[in-house]
Amino acid sequence: MSNVELARRVGLTPPPCLRRVKRLEELGIISGYRATVNHELLGGGLEVIVSIEVGVSDLKTLEELEKTIAAYPEVVEFRRLFATPDYHLRVVVADYAAYEAFQTGKIIGIPGVARVISQPTMKKIKVLG
């Protein structure tokens, strides 16, 4: 949103509002800005939440696993967790056939992957942004 709109929403005039935003950027509190991509318009009609459990504990294998999965364009979010499962992914693909191809062709078979649990998303209730 524009600085004028932000100022209006927070009850300031534009110059002090802009100064406060610049200060938040300088402090690193605001670390960047982003575009929100509509995956459905790009042919990504199916979102799947994927849990991955690993069967190894050596650092090199885990680093390679993370590097491999992070490079896939279908993966829009990728997190390592403190508990089981070990990893959480958000994957966006065109349809179920595309997801099957993704899972069987790209995820299963990566060294260290012991179990994959897939949960297709029914409905988005709240999305940040």
Protein backbone atom coordinates (compact mmCIF):
# COMPACT_ATOMS: atom_id res chain seq x y z
CA MET A 1 0.00 0.00 0.00
CA SER A 2 1.12 3.55 -0.46
CA ASN A 3 2.56 5.65 2.35
CA VAL A 4 -0.49 7.93 2.14
CA GLU A 5 -2.85 4.97 2.67
CA LEU A 6 -0.71 3.59 5.52
CA ALA A 7 -0.64 7.03 7.19
CA ARG A 8 -4.42 7.28 6.91
CA ARG A 9 -4.89 3.83 8.46
CA VAL A 10 -2.60 4.50 11.44
CA GLY A 11 -3.79 8.06 12.03
CA LEU A 12 -0.64 9.97 11.02
CA THR A 13 0.20 12.43 8.32
CA PRO A 14 2.36 11.01 5.51
CA PRO A 15 5.77 12.58 6.43
CA PRO A 16 6.02 11.16 9.98
CA CYS A 17 4.57 7.87 8.79
CA LEU A 18 7.27 7.58 6.14
CA ARG A 19 9.96 8.41 8.72
CA ARG A 20 8.68 5.65 11.01
CA VAL A 21 8.63 3.11 8.18
CA LYS A 22 12.19 4.08 7.15
CA ARG A 23 13.33 3.72 10.75
CA LEU A 24 11.73 0.25 11.01
CA GLU A 25 13.55 -0.71 7.81
CA GLU A 26 16.88 0.59 9.16
CA LEU A 27 16.43 -1.39 12.38
CA GLY A 28 15.71 -4.53 10.38
CA ILE A 29 12.21 -4.86 11.83
CA ILE A 30 10.88 -4.52 8.30
CA SER A 31 13.25 -6.75 6.39
CA GLY A 32 11.71 -6.61 2.96
CA TYR A 33 8.63 -6.57 0.82
CA ARG A 34 7.11 -9.35 -1.24
CA ALA A 35 4.71 -10.12 -4.00
CA THR A 36 1.89 -12.58 -3.38
CA VAL A 37 1.63 -15.06 -6.23
CA ASN A 38 -1.75 -16.50 -7.21
CA HIS A 39 -0.71 -20.10 -7.88
CA GLU A 40 -4.15 -21.02 -9.22
CA LEU A 41 -3.77 -18.53 -12.09
CA LEU A 42 -0.40 -20.12 -12.86
CA GLY A 43 -1.90 -23.61 -13.08
CA GLY A 44 -1.32 -24.63 -9.46
CA GLY A 45 -4.80 -25.71 -8.47
CA LEU A 46 -3.79 -28.22 -5.81
CA GLU A 47 -1.94 -27.42 -2.60
CA VAL A 48 -0.61 -30.32 -0.55
CA ILE A 49 0.82 -30.23 2.95
CA VAL A 50 3.62 -32.80 3.05
CA SER A 51 5.31 -34.24 6.11
CA ILE A 52 8.62 -36.02 5.68
CA GLU A 53 10.28 -38.28 8.20
CA VAL A 54 13.92 -39.14 7.72
CA GLY A 55 15.67 -42.38 8.52
CA VAL A 56 19.20 -41.04 8.90
CA SER A 57 20.98 -38.66 11.21
CA ASP A 58 24.17 -37.78 9.40
CA LEU A 59 24.50 -34.09 8.62
CA LYS A 60 25.73 -34.49 5.04
CA THR A 61 22.70 -36.55 3.99
CA LEU A 62 20.33 -34.07 5.65
CA GLU A 63 22.04 -31.10 3.98
CA GLU A 64 21.74 -32.78 0.58
CA LEU A 65 18.10 -33.64 1.22
CA GLU A 66 17.35 -30.01 2.15
CA LYS A 67 19.26 -28.64 -0.84
CA THR A 68 17.45 -30.99 -3.23
CA ILE A 69 13.93 -30.34 -1.93
CA ALA A 70 14.44 -26.56 -1.61
CA ALA A 71 15.33 -26.40 -5.31
CA TYR A 72 12.00 -27.83 -6.51
CA PRO A 73 9.72 -25.09 -7.88
CA GLU A 74 6.63 -26.95 -6.63
CA VAL A 75 7.80 -26.43 -3.03
CA VAL A 76 6.58 -23.01 -1.85
CA GLU A 77 7.37 -23.52 1.84
CA PHE A 78 9.91 -25.82 3.48
CA ARG A 79 10.63 -26.11 7.21
CA ARG A 80 12.69 -28.37 9.45
CA LEU A 81 10.86 -29.19 12.68
CA PHE A 82 12.04 -30.05 16.18
CA ALA A 83 9.85 -33.15 16.41
CA THR A 84 8.25 -35.79 14.24
CA PRO A 85 7.79 -35.29 11.36
CA ASP A 86 11.23 -33.92 10.58
CA TYR A 87 10.15 -31.67 7.71
CA HIS A 88 7.03 -29.81 6.65
CA LEU A 89 6.47 -28.74 3.04
CA ARG A 90 3.76 -26.83 1.25
CA VAL A 91 3.62 -28.01 -2.35
CA VAL A 92 1.60 -26.45 -5.16
CA VAL A 93 0.90 -28.43 -8.33
CA ALA A 94 -1.75 -28.50 -11.06
CA ASP A 95 -3.67 -31.59 -9.93
CA TYR A 96 -3.47 -35.01 -8.28
CA ALA A 97 -1.60 -36.56 -11.21
CA ALA A 98 1.01 -33.80 -11.01
CA TYR A 99 1.36 -34.36 -7.27
CA GLU A 100 1.78 -38.10 -7.75
CA ALA A 101 4.52 -37.43 -10.30
CA PHE A 102 6.16 -34.97 -7.91
CA GLN A 103 6.07 -37.33 -4.93
CA THR A 104 7.14 -40.49 -6.73
CA GLY A 105 9.60 -38.84 -9.09
CA LYS A 106 11.20 -36.24 -6.85
CA ILE A 107 10.65 -36.97 -3.15
CA ILE A 108 10.61 -40.74 -2.77
CA GLY A 109 14.08 -41.95 -3.50
CA ILE A 110 15.94 -39.01 -2.00
CA PRO A 111 18.54 -40.54 0.33
CA GLY A 112 17.33 -40.27 3.90
CA VAL A 113 13.58 -40.04 3.20
CA ALA A 114 11.88 -42.76 5.25
CA ARG A 115 8.22 -41.72 5.12
CA VAL A 116 6.09 -39.20 3.23
CA ILE A 117 2.64 -38.17 4.44
CA SER A 118 0.55 -36.08 2.07
CA GLN A 119 -2.48 -34.02 3.01
CA PRO A 120 -4.25 -32.22 0.15
CA THR A 121 -5.68 -28.87 1.19
CA MET A 122 -9.47 -28.65 1.15
CA LYS A 123 -9.88 -24.95 1.87
CA LYS A 124 -7.71 -21.97 2.83
CA ILE A 125 -9.11 -20.28 5.93
CA LYS A 126 -6.39 -17.72 6.65
CA VAL A 127 -3.34 -16.88 4.57
CA LEU A 128 -0.70 -14.33 5.58
CA GLY A 129 -0.35 -11.39 3.23
